[in-house]
PDB file of N, CA and C in Angstrom:
ATOM      1  N   MET A   1     -17.557 -16.703   8.617  1.00  0.00           N
ATOM      2  CA  MET A   1     -17.403 -15.363   8.345  1.00  0.00           C
ATOM      3  C   MET A   1     -19.111 -14.342   8.929  1.00  0.00           C
ATOM      4  N   SER A   2     -18.872 -12.791   9.680  1.00  0.00           N
ATOM      5  CA  SER A   2     -20.247 -12.182   9.361  1.00  0.00           C
ATOM      6  C   SER A   2     -20.462 -12.436   8.298  1.00  0.00           C
ATOM      7  N   GLN A   3     -21.981 -11.008   7.920  1.00  0.00           N
ATOM      8  CA  GLN A   3     -21.951 -10.662   6.971  1.00  0.00           C
ATOM      9  C   GLN A   3     -20.946  -9.971   6.040  1.00  0.00           C
ATOM     10  N   TYR A   4     -20.574  -9.186   7.051  1.00  0.00           N
ATOM     11  CA  TYR A   4     -20.134  -7.511   6.835  1.00  0.00           C
ATOM     12  C   TYR A   4     -18.671  -7.907   6.736  1.00  0.00           C
ATOM     13  N   ALA A   5     -17.978  -7.405   6.224  1.00  0.00           N
ATOM     14  CA  ALA A   5     -15.901  -7.574   6.025  1.00  0.00           C
ATOM     15  C   ALA A   5     -15.720  -6.209   6.977  1.00  0.00           C
ATOM     16  N   THR A   6     -15.339  -6.879   8.600  1.00  0.00           N
ATOM     17  CA  THR A   6     -14.566  -5.458   9.792  1.00  0.00           C
ATOM     18  C   THR A   6     -13.586  -6.380   9.866  1.00  0.00           C
ATOM     19  N   PRO A   7     -12.775  -4.441   9.851  1.00  0.00           N
ATOM     20  CA  PRO A   7     -11.700  -4.862   9.663  1.00  0.00           C
ATOM     21  C   PRO A   7     -11.376  -4.554  11.839  1.00  0.00           C
ATOM     22  N   ALA A   8      -9.856  -5.498  12.536  1.00  0.00           N
ATOM     23  CA  ALA A   8     -10.016  -5.944  13.453  1.00  0.00           C
ATOM     24  C   ALA A   8      -8.887  -4.186  13.487  1.00  0.00           C
ATOM     25  N   LYS A   9      -7.980  -4.130  12.810  1.00  0.00           N
ATOM     26  CA  LYS A   9      -6.845  -3.302  12.671  1.00  0.00           C
ATOM     27  C   LYS A   9      -6.236  -2.627  10.760  1.00  0.00           C
ATOM     28  N   LEU A  10      -5.947  -1.156  11.821  1.00  0.00           N
ATOM     29  CA  LEU A  10      -5.613  -0.190   9.830  1.00  0.00           C
ATOM     30  C   LEU A  10      -4.697  -0.107  10.167  1.00  0.00           C
ATOM     31  N   SER A  11      -3.538   0.002   9.160  1.00  0.00           N
ATOM     32  CA  SER A  11      -2.196   0.246   9.274  1.00  0.00           C
ATOM     33  C   SER A  11      -1.745   1.041   7.913  1.00  0.00           C
ATOM     34  N   LEU A  12      -2.071   2.623   7.609  1.00  0.00           N
ATOM     35  CA  LEU A  12      -1.846   3.105   6.479  1.00  0.00           C
ATOM     36  C   LEU A  12       0.038   3.465   6.567  1.00  0.00           C
ATOM     37  N   GLN A  13       0.283   2.952   5.175  1.00  0.00           N
ATOM     38  CA  GLN A  13       1.933   3.603   4.896  1.00  0.00           C
ATOM     39  C   GLN A  13       1.683   4.453   3.645  1.00  0.00           C
ATOM     40  N   ARG A  14       1.688   5.467   3.806  1.00  0.00           N
ATOM     41  CA  ARG A  14       0.894   6.697   3.131  1.00  0.00           C
ATOM     42  C   ARG A  14       1.961   6.420   1.316  1.00  0.00           C
ATOM     43  N   ASP A  15       3.178   5.893   1.316  1.00  0.00           N
ATOM     44  CA  ASP A  15       3.743   5.870   0.032  1.00  0.00           C
ATOM     45  C   ASP A  15       4.358   4.238  -0.124  1.00  0.00           C
ATOM     46  N   ARG A  16       3.390   2.852   0.177  1.00  0.00           N
ATOM     47  CA  ARG A  16       3.729   2.163   0.476  1.00  0.00           C
ATOM     48  C   ARG A  16       2.383   1.009   0.218  1.00  0.00           C
ATOM     49  N   GLU A  17       1.875   1.180   1.734  1.00  0.00           N
ATOM     50  CA  GLU A  17       0.673   0.315   1.824  1.00  0.00           C
ATOM     51  C   GLU A  17       0.188   0.128   2.227  1.00  0.00           C
ATOM     52  N   LEU A  18      -0.766  -0.569   2.730  1.00  0.00           N
ATOM     53  CA  LEU A  18      -2.755   0.342   3.279  1.00  0.00           C
ATOM     54  C   LEU A  18      -2.575  -1.656   3.552  1.00  0.00           C
ATOM     55  N   LYS A  19      -2.475  -2.056   5.273  1.00  0.00           N
ATOM     56  CA  LYS A  19      -2.939  -3.382   5.864  1.00  0.00           C
ATOM     57  C   LYS A  19      -4.630  -3.423   6.906  1.00  0.00           C
ATOM     58  N   ILE A  20      -4.676  -4.687   6.440  1.00  0.00           N
ATOM     59  CA  ILE A  20      -5.961  -4.637   7.158  1.00  0.00           C
ATOM     60  C   ILE A  20      -5.745  -6.106   7.901  1.00  0.00           C
ATOM     61  N   GLN A  21      -5.678  -6.348   9.347  1.00  0.00           N
ATOM     62  CA  GLN A  21      -6.334  -7.243  10.040  1.00  0.00           C
ATOM     63  C   GLN A  21      -7.646  -7.810  10.117  1.00  0.00           C
ATOM     64  N   TRP A  22      -8.227  -8.502   9.405  1.00  0.00           N
ATOM     65  CA  TRP A  22      -9.677  -8.091   9.697  1.00  0.00           C
ATOM     66  C   TRP A  22     -10.155  -8.974  10.973  1.00  0.00           C
ATOM     67  N   ASP A  23     -10.902  -9.189  11.639  1.00  0.00           N
ATOM     68  CA  ASP A  23     -11.382 -10.050  12.479  1.00  0.00           C
ATOM     69  C   ASP A  23     -11.705 -11.117  12.492  1.00  0.00           C
ATOM     70  N   ASP A  24     -12.068 -11.571  11.717  1.00  0.00           N
ATOM     71  CA  ASP A  24     -11.814 -13.172  11.212  1.00  0.00           C
ATOM     72  C   ASP A  24     -10.893 -14.136  11.576  1.00  0.00           C
ATOM     73  N   GLY A  25      -9.813 -12.918  11.600  1.00  0.00           N
ATOM     74  CA  GLY A  25      -7.988 -13.458  11.694  1.00  0.00           C
ATOM     75  C   GLY A  25      -7.210 -13.789   9.673  1.00  0.00           C
ATOM     76  N   ALA A  26      -8.138 -13.060   9.202  1.00  0.00           N
ATOM     77  CA  ALA A  26      -6.949 -12.903   8.040  1.00  0.00           C
ATOM     78  C   ALA A  26      -6.454 -11.623   7.601  1.00  0.00           C
ATOM     79  N   GLN A  27      -5.639 -11.235   7.060  1.00  0.00           N
ATOM     80  CA  GLN A  27      -4.470  -9.888   6.535  1.00  0.00           C
ATOM     81  C   GLN A  27      -5.087  -9.527   4.839  1.00  0.00           C
ATOM     82  N   SER A  28      -5.057  -8.473   5.134  1.00  0.00           N
ATOM     83  CA  SER A  28      -4.957  -8.129   3.317  1.00  0.00           C
ATOM     84  C   SER A  28      -4.267  -7.238   3.406  1.00  0.00           C
ATOM     85  N   VAL A  29      -2.733  -7.103   2.374  1.00  0.00           N
ATOM     86  CA  VAL A  29      -1.939  -6.270   2.096  1.00  0.00           C
ATOM     87  C   VAL A  29      -2.407  -5.890   0.922  1.00  0.00           C
ATOM     88  N   TYR A  30      -2.374  -3.577   0.860  1.00  0.00           N
ATOM     89  CA  TYR A  30      -2.876  -3.309  -0.225  1.00  0.00           C
ATOM     90  C   TYR A  30      -1.718  -3.071  -1.001  1.00  0.00           C
ATOM     91  N   PRO A  31      -1.240  -3.424  -1.424  1.00  0.00           N
ATOM     92  CA  PRO A  31      -0.187  -1.563  -2.307  1.00  0.00           C
ATOM     93  C   PRO A  31      -1.032  -0.704  -3.351  1.00  0.00           C
ATOM     94  N   ILE A  32      -0.251   0.459  -2.385  1.00  0.00           N
ATOM     95  CA  ILE A  32      -1.325   1.761  -2.521  1.00  0.00           C
ATOM     96  C   ILE A  32      -1.467   2.309  -4.106  1.00  0.00           C
ATOM     97  N   LEU A  33      -0.815   1.941  -5.266  1.00  0.00           N
ATOM     98  CA  LEU A  33      -0.837   1.614  -6.243  1.00  0.00           C
ATOM     99  C   LEU A  33      -2.506   0.903  -7.222  1.00  0.00           C
ATOM    100  N   TYR A  34      -1.763  -0.270  -6.422  1.00  0.00           N
ATOM    101  CA  TYR A  34      -3.574  -1.034  -6.119  1.00  0.00           C
ATOM    102  C   TYR A  34      -4.707  -0.475  -6.142  1.00  0.00           C
ATOM    103  N   LEU A  35      -4.256   0.184  -4.682  1.00  0.00           N
ATOM    104  CA  LEU A  35      -5.596   0.524  -4.611  1.00  0.00           C
ATOM    105  C   LEU A  35      -5.857   1.748  -5.490  1.00  0.00           C
ATOM    106  N   ARG A  36      -5.194   2.261  -5.595  1.00  0.00           N
ATOM    107  CA  ARG A  36      -5.239   4.094  -5.760  1.00  0.00           C
ATOM    108  C   ARG A  36      -6.218   3.244  -7.917  1.00  0.00           C
ATOM    109  N   ALA A  37      -5.792   2.369  -8.481  1.00  0.00           N
ATOM    110  CA  ALA A  37      -5.979   1.620  -9.382  1.00  0.00           C
ATOM    111  C   ALA A  37      -7.523   0.677  -9.893  1.00  0.00           C
ATOM    112  N   ASN A  38      -7.638   0.754  -9.062  1.00  0.00           N
ATOM    113  CA  ASN A  38      -8.682  -0.295  -8.191  1.00  0.00           C
ATOM    114  C   ASN A  38      -9.790   0.695  -7.168  1.00  0.00           C
ATOM    115  N   CYS A  39      -9.686   2.059  -7.353  1.00  0.00           N
ATOM    116  CA  CYS A  39     -10.895   3.731  -6.379  1.00  0.00           C
ATOM    117  C   CYS A  39     -12.123   2.955  -7.081  1.00  0.00           C
ATOM    118  N   PRO A  40     -13.276   2.510  -6.133  1.00  0.00           N
ATOM    119  CA  PRO A  40     -14.409   2.126  -6.255  1.00  0.00           C
ATOM    120  C   PRO A  40     -15.374   3.405  -7.159  1.00  0.00           C
ATOM    121  N   CYS A  41     -14.606   4.634  -6.859  1.00  0.00           N
ATOM    122  CA  CYS A  41     -15.194   5.049  -7.417  1.00  0.00           C
ATOM    123  C   CYS A  41     -16.447   6.058  -8.859  1.00  0.00           C
ATOM    124  N   ALA A  42     -17.624   6.304  -9.122  1.00  0.00           N
ATOM    125  CA  ALA A  42     -18.611   6.224 -10.318  1.00  0.00           C
ATOM    126  C   ALA A  42     -16.708   6.410 -11.806  1.00  0.00           C
ATOM    127  N   MET A  43     -16.006   7.265 -11.824  1.00  0.00           N
ATOM    128  CA  MET A  43     -15.554   7.754 -12.846  1.00  0.00           C
ATOM    129  C   MET A  43     -14.570   6.773 -12.596  1.00  0.00           C
ATOM    130  N   CYS A  44     -14.261   6.919 -11.972  1.00  0.00           N
ATOM    131  CA  CYS A  44     -12.908   5.196 -11.864  1.00  0.00           C
ATOM    132  C   CYS A  44     -13.428   3.918 -12.236  1.00  0.00           C
ATOM    133  N   ARG A  45     -14.432   3.876 -12.187  1.00  0.00           N
ATOM    134  CA  ARG A  45     -15.450   2.733 -12.193  1.00  0.00           C
ATOM    135  C   ARG A  45     -15.737   2.875 -13.723  1.00  0.00           C
ATOM    136  N   GLN A  46     -16.159   3.317 -14.114  1.00  0.00           N
ATOM    137  CA  GLN A  46     -16.628   3.958 -15.752  1.00  0.00           C
ATOM    138  C   GLN A  46     -15.047   3.899 -16.135  1.00  0.00           C
ATOM    139  N   LEU A  47     -13.998   4.683 -16.464  1.00  0.00           N
ATOM    140  CA  LEU A  47     -13.256   4.266 -16.734  1.00  0.00           C
ATOM    141  C   LEU A  47     -12.675   2.840 -16.992  1.00  0.00           C
ATOM    142  N   ARG A  48     -12.376   2.203 -15.888  1.00  0.00           N
ATOM    143  CA  ARG A  48     -11.751   0.660 -16.098  1.00  0.00           C
ATOM    144  C   ARG A  48     -12.597   0.010 -16.979  1.00  0.00           C
ATOM    145  N   GLU A  49     -13.959  -0.373 -17.053  1.00  0.00           N
ATOM    146  CA  GLU A  49     -15.164  -0.497 -17.627  1.00  0.00           C
ATOM    147  C   GLU A  49     -14.775  -0.976 -19.525  1.00  0.00           C
ATOM    148  N   SER A  50     -14.247   0.790 -19.687  1.00  0.00           N
ATOM    149  CA  SER A  50     -14.018   1.365 -20.930  1.00  0.00           C
ATOM    150  C   SER A  50     -13.307   1.005 -21.657  1.00  0.00           C
ATOM    151  N   GLN A  51     -12.124   0.673 -20.640  1.00  0.00           N
ATOM    152  CA  GLN A  51     -10.805  -0.104 -20.968  1.00  0.00           C
ATOM    153  C   GLN A  51     -11.107  -1.008 -21.682  1.00  0.00           C
ATOM    154  N   LYS A  52     -11.889  -1.478 -20.940  1.00  0.00           N
ATOM    155  CA  LYS A  52     -12.193  -3.592 -21.063  1.00  0.00           C
ATOM    156  C   LYS A  52     -12.291  -3.336 -22.555  1.00  0.00           C
ATOM    157  N   LYS A  53     -13.270  -2.709 -22.774  1.00  0.00           N
ATOM    158  CA  LYS A  53     -14.327  -2.800 -24.330  1.00  0.00           C
ATOM    159  C   LYS A  53     -13.215  -2.046 -25.055  1.00  0.00           C
ATOM    160  N   SER A  54     -12.597  -1.938 -25.541  1.00  0.00           N
ATOM    161  CA  SER A  54     -11.336  -1.058 -26.259  1.00  0.00           C
ATOM    162  C   SER A  54     -10.628  -1.742 -26.599  1.00  0.00           C
ATOM    163  N   ARG A  55      -9.496  -1.468 -27.357  1.00  0.00           N
ATOM    164  CA  ARG A  55      -8.378  -1.910 -27.457  1.00  0.00           C
ATOM    165  C   ARG A  55      -7.474  -0.512 -26.871  1.00  0.00           C
ATOM    166  N   LEU A  56      -7.560   0.441 -27.069  1.00  0.00           N
ATOM    167  CA  LEU A  56      -6.699   1.518 -26.796  1.00  0.00           C
ATOM    168  C   LEU A  56      -6.215   1.044 -25.216  1.00  0.00           C
ATOM    169  N   THR A  57      -5.149   1.461 -25.395  1.00  0.00           N
ATOM    170  CA  THR A  57      -4.761   2.134 -23.653  1.00  0.00           C
ATOM    171  C   THR A  57      -4.231   3.106 -23.256  1.00  0.00           C
ATOM    172  N   VAL A  58      -5.578   3.546 -22.246  1.00  0.00           N
ATOM    173  CA  VAL A  58      -5.268   4.789 -21.630  1.00  0.00           C
ATOM    174  C   VAL A  58      -3.805   4.494 -20.700  1.00  0.00           C
ATOM    175  N   LEU A  59      -2.956   5.695 -20.765  1.00  0.00           N
ATOM    176  CA  LEU A  59      -1.810   5.548 -19.791  1.00  0.00           C
ATOM    177  C   LEU A  59      -2.231   6.714 -18.807  1.00  0.00           C
ATOM    178  N   PRO A  60      -1.578   6.294 -17.832  1.00  0.00           N
ATOM    179  CA  PRO A  60      -1.510   6.836 -16.250  1.00  0.00           C
ATOM    180  C   PRO A  60      -1.269   8.629 -16.941  1.00  0.00           C
ATOM    181  N   GLY A  61      -1.798   9.620 -16.447  1.00  0.00           N
ATOM    182  CA  GLY A  61      -1.330  10.859 -16.055  1.00  0.00           C
ATOM    183  C   GLY A  61      -0.042  10.934 -15.868  1.00  0.00           C
ATOM    184  N   ASN A  62       1.153  11.848 -16.513  1.00  0.00           N
ATOM    185  CA  ASN A  62       2.230  12.610 -16.421  1.00  0.00           C
ATOM    186  C   ASN A  62       2.752  12.481 -14.484  1.00  0.00           C
ATOM    187  N   HIS A  63       3.055  12.068 -13.891  1.00  0.00           N
ATOM    188  CA  HIS A  63       2.845  12.602 -12.319  1.00  0.00           C
ATOM    189  C   HIS A  63       4.459  12.513 -12.153  1.00  0.00           C
ATOM    190  N   SER A  64       4.297  14.215 -11.952  1.00  0.00           N
ATOM    191  CA  SER A  64       5.884  14.983 -10.690  1.00  0.00           C
ATOM    192  C   SER A  64       6.570  14.026 -10.158  1.00  0.00           C
ATOM    193  N   GLN A  65       5.593  13.924  -9.489  1.00  0.00           N
ATOM    194  CA  GLN A  65       6.106  12.995  -8.446  1.00  0.00           C
ATOM    195  C   GLN A  65       5.471  11.043  -8.218  1.00  0.00           C
ATOM    196  N   PRO A  66       5.622  10.228  -7.241  1.00  0.00           N
ATOM    197  CA  PRO A  66       4.479   8.937  -7.333  1.00  0.00           C
ATOM    198  C   PRO A  66       3.604   9.254  -6.267  1.00  0.00           C
ATOM    199  N   ILE A  67       2.504   8.561  -6.976  1.00  0.00           N
ATOM    200  CA  ILE A  67       0.917   8.878  -6.287  1.00  0.00           C
ATOM    201  C   ILE A  67       0.913   8.702  -4.441  1.00  0.00           C
ATOM    202  N   THR A  68       0.751   8.860  -3.691  1.00  0.00           N
ATOM    203  CA  THR A  68       0.725   8.777  -2.861  1.00  0.00           C
ATOM    204  C   THR A  68      -0.917   8.670  -1.958  1.00  0.00           C
ATOM    205  N   ALA A  69      -1.074   8.156  -1.027  1.00  0.00           N
ATOM    206  CA  ALA A  69      -2.138   8.346   0.020  1.00  0.00           C
ATOM    207  C   ALA A  69      -1.652   9.360   0.870  1.00  0.00           C
ATOM    208  N   ILE A  70      -2.507  10.421   1.162  1.00  0.00           N
ATOM    209  CA  ILE A  70      -2.501  11.842   1.573  1.00  0.00           C
ATOM    210  C   ILE A  70      -3.239  11.938   2.454  1.00  0.00           C
ATOM    211  N   SER A  71      -4.295  11.258   3.085  1.00  0.00           N
ATOM    212  CA  SER A  71      -4.852  11.173   4.257  1.00  0.00           C
ATOM    213  C   SER A  71      -5.839   9.427   3.731  1.00  0.00           C
ATOM    214  N   ALA A  72      -6.404   9.161   4.698  1.00  0.00           N
ATOM    215  CA  ALA A  72      -7.446   8.171   4.933  1.00  0.00           C
ATOM    216  C   ALA A  72      -8.769   8.568   5.891  1.00  0.00           C
ATOM    217  N   GLU A  73      -9.845   9.004   5.977  1.00  0.00           N
ATOM    218  CA  GLU A  73     -11.167   8.761   7.014  1.00  0.00           C
ATOM    219  C   GLU A  73     -11.816   7.660   7.037  1.00  0.00           C
ATOM    220  N   MET A  74     -12.094   7.153   8.508  1.00  0.00           N
ATOM    221  CA  MET A  74     -13.726   6.302   8.323  1.00  0.00           C
ATOM    222  C   MET A  74     -15.009   7.479   7.683  1.00  0.00           C
ATOM    223  N   VAL A  75     -15.574   6.682   7.112  1.00  0.00           N
ATOM    224  CA  VAL A  75     -16.470   6.824   6.466  1.00  0.00           C
ATOM    225  C   VAL A  75     -17.467   5.743   7.772  1.00  0.00           C
ATOM    226  N   GLY A  76     -18.801   6.086   8.995  1.00  0.00           N
ATOM    227  CA  GLY A  76     -19.243   5.708   9.138  1.00  0.00           C
ATOM    228  C   GLY A  76     -18.391   4.162   9.528  1.00  0.00           C
ATOM    229  N   ASN A  77     -18.519   3.341  10.165  1.00  0.00           N
ATOM    230  CA  ASN A  77     -18.242   2.635  11.049  1.00  0.00           C
ATOM    231  C   ASN A  77     -18.255   0.727   9.400  1.00  0.00           C
ATOM    232  N   TYR A  78     -17.897   1.947   7.879  1.00  0.00           N
ATOM    233  CA  TYR A  78     -18.622   0.767   7.119  1.00  0.00           C
ATOM    234  C   TYR A  78     -17.664   0.506   5.929  1.00  0.00           C
ATOM    235  N   ALA A  79     -17.050   1.602   5.895  1.00  0.00           N
ATOM    236  CA  ALA A  79     -15.628   2.562   4.744  1.00  0.00           C
ATOM    237  C   ALA A  79     -14.489   2.946   5.173  1.00  0.00           C
ATOM    238  N   LEU A  80     -13.952   3.246   3.989  1.00  0.00           N
ATOM    239  CA  LEU A  80     -12.280   4.028   4.782  1.00  0.00           C
ATOM    240  C   LEU A  80     -12.924   5.197   2.648  1.00  0.00           C
ATOM    241  N   ARG A  81     -12.206   6.764   3.137  1.00  0.00           N
ATOM    242  CA  ARG A  81     -12.210   7.531   1.694  1.00  0.00           C
ATOM    243  C   ARG A  81     -11.230   7.724   2.040  1.00  0.00           C
ATOM    244  N   ILE A  82      -9.939   7.684   1.062  1.00  0.00           N
ATOM    245  CA  ILE A  82      -8.792   7.763   1.017  1.00  0.00           C
ATOM    246  C   ILE A  82      -8.598   8.940   0.048  1.00  0.00           C
ATOM    247  N   GLU A  83      -7.446  10.769   0.101  1.00  0.00           N
ATOM    248  CA  GLU A  83      -7.199  11.096  -0.479  1.00  0.00           C
ATOM    249  C   GLU A  83      -6.050  11.009  -1.132  1.00  0.00           C
ATOM    250  N   TRP A  84      -5.936  11.597  -2.426  1.00  0.00           N
ATOM    251  CA  TRP A  84      -5.004  11.423  -3.227  1.00  0.00           C
ATOM    252  C   TRP A  84      -3.520  12.187  -3.486  1.00  0.00           C
ATOM    253  N   SER A  85      -2.361  11.452  -3.809  1.00  0.00           N
ATOM    254  CA  SER A  85      -1.531  12.754  -4.183  1.00  0.00           C
ATOM    255  C   SER A  85      -2.247  14.167  -5.251  1.00  0.00           C
ATOM    256  N   ASP A  86      -2.985  12.929  -6.217  1.00  0.00           N
ATOM    257  CA  ASP A  86      -2.903  13.305  -7.671  1.00  0.00           C
ATOM    258  C   ASP A  86      -4.291  14.045  -7.647  1.00  0.00           C
ATOM    259  N   ASN A  87      -4.889  14.452  -6.777  1.00  0.00           N
ATOM    260  CA  ASN A  87      -6.280  15.564  -6.072  1.00  0.00           C
ATOM    261  C   ASN A  87      -7.176  14.234  -6.017  1.00  0.00           C
ATOM    262  N   HIS A  88      -7.435  13.149  -6.698  1.00  0.00           N
ATOM    263  CA  HIS A  88      -8.882  11.805  -5.799  1.00  0.00           C
ATOM    264  C   HIS A  88      -9.001  12.113  -4.674  1.00  0.00           C
ATOM    265  N   ALA A  89      -9.687  12.514  -4.623  1.00  0.00           N
ATOM    266  CA  ALA A  89     -10.968  12.038  -2.978  1.00  0.00           C
ATOM    267  C   ALA A  89     -11.834  11.458  -3.215  1.00  0.00           C
ATOM    268  N   SER A  90     -13.117  10.818  -3.957  1.00  0.00           N
ATOM    269  CA  SER A  90     -14.100  10.204  -4.288  1.00  0.00           C
ATOM    270  C   SER A  90     -14.340   8.732  -4.110  1.00  0.00           C
ATOM    271  N   GLY A  91     -13.080   8.160  -3.852  1.00  0.00           N
ATOM    272  CA  GLY A  91     -13.318   6.819  -3.795  1.00  0.00           C
ATOM    273  C   GLY A  91     -13.930   6.285  -2.063  1.00  0.00           C
ATOM    274  N   ILE A  92     -14.931   5.620  -2.250  1.00  0.00           N
ATOM    275  CA  ILE A  92     -15.276   5.037  -0.780  1.00  0.00           C
ATOM    276  C   ILE A  92     -14.890   3.788  -0.625  1.00  0.00           C
ATOM    277  N   TYR A  93     -13.821   3.532  -0.011  1.00  0.00           N
ATOM    278  CA  TYR A  93     -14.141   2.005  -0.221  1.00  0.00           C
ATOM    279  C   TYR A  93     -14.565   1.123   1.242  1.00  0.00           C
ATOM    280  N   SER A  94     -15.753   0.598   0.939  1.00  0.00           N
ATOM    281  CA  SER A  94     -16.652  -0.384   1.821  1.00  0.00           C
ATOM    282  C   SER A  94     -15.665  -1.415   2.621  1.00  0.00           C
ATOM    283  N   PHE A  95     -15.185  -1.162   3.275  1.00  0.00           N
ATOM    284  CA  PHE A  95     -14.563  -3.232   3.788  1.00  0.00           C
ATOM    285  C   PHE A  95     -14.688  -4.105   2.743  1.00  0.00           C
ATOM    286  N   THR A  96     -16.226  -4.393   2.929  1.00  0.00           N
ATOM    287  CA  THR A  96     -16.459  -5.532   1.523  1.00  0.00           C
ATOM    288  C   THR A  96     -15.969  -5.837   0.964  1.00  0.00           C
ATOM    289  N   TYR A  97     -16.430  -4.627  -0.611  1.00  0.00           N
ATOM    290  CA  TYR A  97     -15.403  -3.748  -1.187  1.00  0.00           C
ATOM    291  C   TYR A  97     -13.781  -4.267  -1.259  1.00  0.00           C
ATOM    292  N   LEU A  98     -12.728  -3.975   0.339  1.00  0.00           N
ATOM    293  CA  LEU A  98     -11.480  -4.539  -0.033  1.00  0.00           C
ATOM    294  C   LEU A  98     -11.842  -5.508   0.048  1.00  0.00           C
ATOM    295  N   LYS A  99     -12.733  -6.470   1.512  1.00  0.00           N
ATOM    296  CA  LYS A  99     -12.147  -7.506   1.263  1.00  0.00           C
ATOM    297  C   LYS A  99     -12.054  -8.744   0.119  1.00  0.00           C
ATOM    298  N   GLU A 100     -13.162  -7.697  -0.551  1.00  0.00           N
ATOM    299  CA  GLU A 100     -13.766  -8.445  -2.281  1.00  0.00           C
ATOM    300  C   GLU A 100     -12.184  -8.556  -3.183  1.00  0.00           C
ATOM    301  N   ILE A 101     -11.663  -7.016  -2.910  1.00  0.00           N
ATOM    302  CA  ILE A 101     -10.376  -7.074  -4.127  1.00  0.00           C
ATOM    303  C   ILE A 101      -8.941  -7.139  -3.346  1.00  0.00           C
ATOM    304  N   ALA A 102      -8.852  -7.713  -2.007  1.00  0.00           N
ATOM    305  CA  ALA A 102      -7.891  -8.332  -1.727  1.00  0.00           C
ATOM    306  C   ALA A 102      -6.812  -9.086  -1.940  1.00  0.00           C
ATOM    307  N   PRO A 103      -5.884  -8.167  -1.966  1.00  0.00           N
ATOM    308  CA  PRO A 103      -4.856  -9.348  -3.077  1.00  0.00           C
ATOM    309  C   PRO A 103      -4.415 -10.589  -2.947  1.00  0.00           C
ATOM    310  N   LYS A 104      -4.379 -11.730  -3.915  1.00  0.00           N
ATOM    311  CA  LYS A 104      -4.028 -13.247  -3.096  1.00  0.00           C
ATOM    312  C   LYS A 104      -2.449 -13.501  -3.131  1.00  0.00           C
TER     313      LYS A 104
END
């Protein structure tokens, strides 16, 4: 495997999943809610870390509509930025990070 994770093909179904065909032949499928829950931005990482340390559970906000991906755009040649229907758009999903969190 190369030093960097490189997608050969990306396919986003905004209300369902992101599929990545990697250049090494592997394929990863990420459910939309899984991606949102694993947002790599500083605010979301901090929230996940604080939840690990506490017995209290933070419930997700009350959204009248299911969370979906509104759009996705490339960030250079190393990452994907996803804008979410809950108005969150600060997470930059590097391809290396996406490869690391790929559901098994």
